[in-house]
Amino acid sequence: MAKTSPIEFFRQVRQEVAKVTWPSRKETTITTSMVFVMVAVASVFFLAVDAVLGWGITAVLGLGS
């Protein structure tokens, strides 16, 4: 395998970066908003699961009053 010089490497990197389709500001904003919403939904889900499991374990082990 032939070695690539650093100058050639950076030239190839620039060519590849030029091929990338970058998202628009609107697409980035929408995607970021969707991530925050999904994080909030997942947080509420795991909070509910934790509460139910905690209640169930407490009931089974008789740790309550």
Protein backbone atom coordinates (compact mmCIF):
# COMPACT_ATOMS: atom_id res chain seq x y z
CA MET A 1 0.00 0.00 0.00
CA ALA A 2 1.42 3.36 -1.05
CA LYS A 3 1.95 6.00 1.60
CA THR A 4 0.10 9.30 1.26
CA SER A 5 1.90 12.52 2.00
CA PRO A 6 0.29 14.90 4.51
CA ILE A 7 -0.36 17.45 1.77
CA GLU A 8 -2.12 14.84 -0.39
CA PHE A 9 -4.10 13.64 2.63
CA PHE A 10 -5.44 17.13 3.37
CA ARG A 11 -6.26 17.65 -0.31
CA GLN A 12 -8.31 14.45 -0.25
CA VAL A 13 -10.02 15.52 2.97
CA ARG A 14 -11.02 18.84 1.40
CA GLN A 15 -12.45 17.00 -1.62
CA GLU A 16 -14.50 14.70 0.62
CA VAL A 17 -15.77 17.59 2.77
CA ALA A 18 -16.92 19.36 -0.40
CA LYS A 19 -19.13 16.31 -1.18
CA VAL A 20 -20.95 16.49 2.16
CA THR A 21 -24.53 17.74 2.09
CA TRP A 22 -24.74 19.98 5.14
CA PRO A 23 -28.13 20.50 6.83
CA SER A 24 -29.80 23.89 6.70
CA ARG A 25 -30.34 25.99 9.80
CA LYS A 26 -34.04 25.03 9.77
CA GLU A 27 -33.24 21.30 9.58
CA THR A 28 -30.73 21.62 12.43
CA THR A 29 -33.24 23.52 14.59
CA ILE A 30 -35.99 20.96 13.97
CA THR A 31 -33.70 18.01 14.64
CA THR A 32 -32.37 19.60 17.84
CA SER A 33 -35.93 20.27 19.03
CA MET A 34 -36.88 16.66 18.31
CA VAL A 35 -33.91 15.44 20.35
CA PHE A 36 -34.93 17.59 23.34
CA VAL A 37 -38.54 16.36 23.11
CA MET A 38 -37.44 12.72 22.94
CA VAL A 39 -35.11 13.21 25.93
CA ALA A 40 -38.01 14.69 27.92
CA VAL A 41 -40.33 11.81 26.92
CA ALA A 42 -37.69 9.20 27.80
CA SER A 43 -37.04 10.94 31.14
CA VAL A 44 -40.73 10.88 32.09
CA PHE A 45 -41.01 7.24 30.99
CA PHE A 46 -38.06 6.11 33.08
CA LEU A 47 -39.26 8.19 36.05
CA ALA A 48 -42.62 6.39 35.85
CA VAL A 49 -41.02 2.94 35.47
CA ASP A 50 -38.71 3.64 38.42
CA ALA A 51 -41.63 4.77 40.58
CA VAL A 52 -43.73 1.71 39.70
CA LEU A 53 -40.85 -0.72 40.27
CA GLY A 54 -39.96 1.01 43.54
CA TRP A 55 -43.55 0.78 44.72
CA GLY A 56 -43.75 -2.89 43.66
CA ILE A 57 -40.53 -3.89 45.41
CA THR A 58 -41.57 -2.04 48.55
CA ALA A 59 -44.93 -3.84 48.51
CA VAL A 60 -43.38 -7.29 47.91
CA LEU A 61 -40.69 -6.93 50.57
CA GLY A 62 -43.07 -5.35 53.06
CA LEU A 63 -40.81 -2.39 53.67
CA GLY A 64 -43.75 -0.01 54.09
CA SER A 65 -45.70 0.54 57.27
